[in-house]
C-alpha atoms as a PDB file:
ATOM      1  CA  MET A   1       1.359  39.115  26.680  1.00  0.00           C
ATOM      2  CA  ARG A   2       2.949  39.095  23.219  1.00  0.00           C
ATOM      3  CA  LEU A   3       4.277  35.570  23.788  1.00  0.00           C
ATOM      4  CA  ILE A   4       0.812  34.326  24.699  1.00  0.00           C
ATOM      5  CA  LEU A   5      -0.690  35.996  21.628  1.00  0.00           C
ATOM      6  CA  LYS A   6       2.009  34.526  19.338  1.00  0.00           C
ATOM      7  CA  SER A   7       1.498  31.075  20.839  1.00  0.00           C
ATOM      8  CA  LEU A   8      -2.257  31.344  20.364  1.00  0.00           C
ATOM      9  CA  VAL A   9      -1.831  32.360  16.715  1.00  0.00           C
ATOM     10  CA  PHE A  10       0.662  29.533  16.105  1.00  0.00           C
ATOM     11  CA  PHE A  11      -1.559  26.840  17.594  1.00  0.00           C
ATOM     12  CA  THR A  12      -4.621  28.177  15.758  1.00  0.00           C
ATOM     13  CA  MET A  13      -2.748  27.999  12.448  1.00  0.00           C
ATOM     14  CA  LEU A  14      -1.447  24.525  13.264  1.00  0.00           C
ATOM     15  CA  ALA A  15      -4.950  23.265  14.076  1.00  0.00           C
ATOM     16  CA  SER A  16      -6.345  24.676  10.838  1.00  0.00           C
ATOM     17  CA  LEU A  17      -3.555  23.058   8.776  1.00  0.00           C
ATOM     18  CA  MET A  18      -4.215  19.692  10.400  1.00  0.00           C
ATOM     19  CA  SER A  19      -7.869  19.844   9.363  1.00  0.00           C
ATOM     20  CA  ILE A  20      -7.117  20.312   5.638  1.00  0.00           C
ATOM     21  CA  PRO A  21      -7.714  17.012   3.832  1.00  0.00           C
ATOM     22  CA  VAL A  22      -4.834  15.881   1.643  1.00  0.00           C
ATOM     23  CA  SER A  23      -6.285  13.844  -1.213  1.00  0.00           C
ATOM     24  CA  ALA A  24      -3.037  12.002  -1.932  1.00  0.00           C
ATOM     25  CA  SER A  25      -3.020  10.569   1.585  1.00  0.00           C
ATOM     26  CA  ASN A  26      -6.574   9.234   1.487  1.00  0.00           C
ATOM     27  CA  PRO A  27      -6.551   5.433   1.327  1.00  0.00           C
ATOM     28  CA  LEU A  28      -8.453   3.645  -1.409  1.00  0.00           C
ATOM     29  CA  ASN A  29     -11.737   1.915  -0.556  1.00  0.00           C
ATOM     30  CA  LYS A  30     -12.425  -1.815  -0.974  1.00  0.00           C
ATOM     31  CA  GLU A  31     -13.980  -1.576  -4.431  1.00  0.00           C
ATOM     32  CA  THR A  32     -11.168   0.591  -5.805  1.00  0.00           C
ATOM     33  CA  VAL A  33      -8.433  -1.698  -4.452  1.00  0.00           C
ATOM     34  CA  GLU A  34     -10.187  -4.763  -5.887  1.00  0.00           C
ATOM     35  CA  LYS A  35     -10.515  -3.088  -9.281  1.00  0.00           C
ATOM     36  CA  LEU A  36      -6.866  -1.997  -9.172  1.00  0.00           C
ATOM     37  CA  VAL A  37      -5.315  -5.411  -8.567  1.00  0.00           C
ATOM     38  CA  THR A  38      -7.764  -8.153  -9.624  1.00  0.00           C
ATOM     39  CA  GLY A  39      -6.361  -9.973 -12.648  1.00  0.00           C
ATOM     40  CA  ASN A  40      -3.438  -7.547 -12.833  1.00  0.00           C
ATOM     41  CA  THR A  41       0.311  -7.470 -12.216  1.00  0.00           C
ATOM     42  CA  ALA A  42       1.889  -4.984  -9.814  1.00  0.00           C
ATOM     43  CA  GLU A  43       5.562  -4.043  -9.931  1.00  0.00           C
ATOM     44  CA  VAL A  44       6.535  -3.542  -6.280  1.00  0.00           C
ATOM     45  CA  GLN A  45       9.504  -2.369  -4.275  1.00  0.00           C
ATOM     46  CA  ASN A  46      10.128  -2.782  -0.567  1.00  0.00           C
ATOM     47  CA  SER A  47      10.252   0.633   1.057  1.00  0.00           C
ATOM     48  CA  LYS A  48      13.130  -0.168   3.411  1.00  0.00           C
ATOM     49  CA  TRP A  49      15.235  -2.389   1.128  1.00  0.00           C
ATOM     50  CA  LYS A  50      15.041  -0.707  -2.274  1.00  0.00           C
ATOM     51  CA  GLN A  51      16.893  -3.610  -3.916  1.00  0.00           C
ATOM     52  CA  LYS A  52      14.003  -5.927  -2.929  1.00  0.00           C
ATOM     53  CA  GLN A  53      11.793  -5.678  -6.009  1.00  0.00           C
ATOM     54  CA  ALA A  54       9.196  -8.080  -7.386  1.00  0.00           C
ATOM     55  CA  SER A  55       6.218  -8.591  -9.654  1.00  0.00           C
ATOM     56  CA  TRP A  56       2.958  -9.677  -8.000  1.00  0.00           C
ATOM     57  CA  TYR A  57       0.146 -11.183 -10.051  1.00  0.00           C
ATOM     58  CA  PHE A  58      -3.290 -11.075  -8.378  1.00  0.00           C
ATOM     59  CA  SER A  59      -5.448 -13.792  -9.983  1.00  0.00           C
ATOM     60  CA  THR A  60      -9.214 -13.440 -10.113  1.00  0.00           C
ATOM     61  CA  SER A  61      -9.479 -16.583  -7.942  1.00  0.00           C
ATOM     62  CA  GLY A  62      -7.681 -14.963  -4.978  1.00  0.00           C
ATOM     63  CA  GLN A  63      -4.272 -16.499  -5.627  1.00  0.00           C
ATOM     64  CA  ILE A  64      -1.139 -14.352  -5.714  1.00  0.00           C
ATOM     65  CA  LYS A  65       2.062 -15.281  -7.511  1.00  0.00           C
ATOM     66  CA  SER A  66       5.318 -13.386  -7.186  1.00  0.00           C
ATOM     67  CA  LEU A  67       8.644 -13.274  -8.923  1.00  0.00           C
ATOM     68  CA  ASP A  68      11.503 -11.181  -7.585  1.00  0.00           C
ATOM     69  CA  LYS A  69      14.375  -9.713  -9.558  1.00  0.00           C
ATOM     70  CA  ASN A  70      16.537 -12.742  -8.612  1.00  0.00           C
ATOM     71  CA  LYS A  71      13.932 -15.063 -10.225  1.00  0.00           C
ATOM     72  CA  LYS A  72      12.751 -16.387  -6.825  1.00  0.00           C
ATOM     73  CA  SER A  73       9.046 -17.204  -7.029  1.00  0.00           C
ATOM     74  CA  GLY A  74       6.319 -17.359  -4.423  1.00  0.00           C
ATOM     75  CA  LYS A  75       2.653 -18.243  -4.138  1.00  0.00           C
ATOM     76  CA  GLY A  76      -0.106 -17.448  -1.720  1.00  0.00           C
ATOM     77  CA  LYS A  77      -3.543 -15.923  -1.391  1.00  0.00           C
ATOM     78  CA  TRP A  78      -4.935 -12.419  -1.380  1.00  0.00           C
ATOM     79  CA  HIS A  79      -8.164 -10.544  -0.693  1.00  0.00           C
ATOM     80  CA  VAL A  80      -9.354  -7.064   0.188  1.00  0.00           C
ATOM     81  CA  ASN A  81     -11.031  -6.754   3.594  1.00  0.00           C
ATOM     82  CA  ASP A  82     -14.029  -4.547   4.412  1.00  0.00           C
ATOM     83  CA  ASN A  83     -11.689  -1.712   5.477  1.00  0.00           C
ATOM     84  CA  GLY A  84     -10.198  -1.625   1.962  1.00  0.00           C
ATOM     85  CA  GLU A  85      -6.909  -3.150   3.102  1.00  0.00           C
ATOM     86  CA  LEU A  86      -5.058  -5.387   0.669  1.00  0.00           C
ATOM     87  CA  CYS A  87      -4.364  -8.620   2.561  1.00  0.00           C
ATOM     88  CA  ILE A  88      -1.689 -11.058   1.367  1.00  0.00           C
ATOM     89  CA  GLN A  89      -0.351 -14.275   2.811  1.00  0.00           C
ATOM     90  CA  PHE A  90       2.450 -16.028   0.980  1.00  0.00           C
ATOM     91  CA  LYS A  91       2.903 -19.726   1.734  1.00  0.00           C
ATOM     92  CA  ARG A  92       6.229 -19.056   3.444  1.00  0.00           C
ATOM     93  CA  GLN A  93       4.558 -16.644   5.907  1.00  0.00           C
ATOM     94  CA  ASP A  94       2.839 -17.629   9.133  1.00  0.00           C
ATOM     95  CA  ASN A  95       0.380 -14.731   9.073  1.00  0.00           C
ATOM     96  CA  GLU A  96      -1.660 -12.689   6.656  1.00  0.00           C
ATOM     97  CA  HIS A  97      -0.401  -9.127   6.210  1.00  0.00           C
ATOM     98  CA  CYS A  98      -2.943  -6.398   5.452  1.00  0.00           C
ATOM     99  CA  ARG A  99      -1.889  -3.041   4.015  1.00  0.00           C
ATOM    100  CA  THR A 100      -3.688   0.244   3.467  1.00  0.00           C
ATOM    101  CA  VAL A 101      -3.345   1.335  -0.180  1.00  0.00           C
ATOM    102  CA  VAL A 102      -2.683   5.040  -0.761  1.00  0.00           C
ATOM    103  CA  PRO A 103      -2.261   6.632  -4.217  1.00  0.00           C
ATOM    104  CA  THR A 104       0.800   8.771  -4.874  1.00  0.00           C
ATOM    105  CA  SER A 105       1.180  11.852  -7.029  1.00  0.00           C
ATOM    106  CA  ASP A 106       3.318   9.963  -9.578  1.00  0.00           C
ATOM    107  CA  GLY A 107       0.595   7.403 -10.372  1.00  0.00           C
ATOM    108  CA  GLY A 108       1.901   4.690  -8.055  1.00  0.00           C
ATOM    109  CA  TYR A 109       0.637   3.465  -4.700  1.00  0.00           C
ATOM    110  CA  GLU A 110       2.035   3.055  -1.215  1.00  0.00           C
ATOM    111  CA  LEU A 111       1.149   0.135   1.047  1.00  0.00           C
ATOM    112  CA  TYR A 112       1.113   0.957   4.762  1.00  0.00           C
ATOM    113  CA  GLY A 113       1.165  -1.474   7.680  1.00  0.00           C
ATOM    114  CA  THR A 114      -2.088  -1.754   9.617  1.00  0.00           C
ATOM    115  CA  ARG A 115      -1.063  -3.703  12.728  1.00  0.00           C
ATOM    116  CA  HIS A 116       1.518  -3.384  15.492  1.00  0.00           C
ATOM    117  CA  PRO A 117       4.498  -3.202  15.227  1.00  0.00           C
ATOM    118  CA  PHE A 118       4.227  -1.821  11.676  1.00  0.00           C
ATOM    119  CA  GLN A 119       1.037   0.235  12.013  1.00  0.00           C
ATOM    120  CA  GLY A 120       1.360   3.342   9.860  1.00  0.00           C
ATOM    121  CA  ASP A 121       4.752   2.337   8.442  1.00  0.00           C
ATOM    122  CA  LEU A 122       5.326   2.465   4.696  1.00  0.00           C
ATOM    123  CA  MET A 123       6.007  -1.159   3.748  1.00  0.00           C
ATOM    124  CA  TRP A 124       5.802  -1.482  -0.047  1.00  0.00           C
ATOM    125  CA  ILE A 125       5.614   0.813  -3.054  1.00  0.00           C
ATOM    126  CA  ILE A 126       3.617  -0.193  -6.113  1.00  0.00           C
ATOM    127  CA  LYS A 127       5.442   1.482  -8.963  1.00  0.00           C
ATOM    128  CA  GLU A 128       3.128   0.311 -11.744  1.00  0.00           C
ATOM    129  CA  VAL A 129       0.056  -1.872 -12.320  1.00  0.00           C
ATOM    130  CA  SER A 130      -0.338  -3.607 -15.679  1.00  0.00           C
ATOM    131  CA  PRO A 131      -3.426  -5.417 -16.939  1.00  0.00           C
ATOM    132  CA  GLY A 132      -3.202  -9.205 -16.963  1.00  0.00           C
ATOM    133  CA  ASN A 133      -0.437 -11.615 -16.070  1.00  0.00           C
ATOM    134  CA  VAL A 134       2.314  -9.820 -17.981  1.00  0.00           C
ATOM    135  CA  HIS A 135       5.136 -12.106 -16.786  1.00  0.00           C
ATOM    136  CA  ASP A 136       3.142 -15.338 -17.122  1.00  0.00           C
ATOM    137  CA  LEU A 137       3.497 -16.106 -13.418  1.00  0.00           C
END
């Protein structure tokens, strides 16, 4: 009987913890993501390969330009879809990649995969967003 009671208490506590909203894990909406990146430069880092770092400039015309720490540049297009996902397709990529944008407690942002096989996976970290095209990309 005690085991059943302990199990019931445990699962009740677990269910109540799961229902508590965590503000840091709430993704940004479309308008907020657009305001965050449009006309600005983001300093990004790949979540799996920490040495893979770059600057991304999001032009107001929907073009994205990148420059990595090895001075390799890239170009493509970007937009924010109705779900608030930041969608980017560099010219060297076959497909557009959309990411959910989640603020972090340190003032940065995390970009999570939205489609299989990367759904829910942390893909990129935005360490800082600066106004304008700070690196003249």
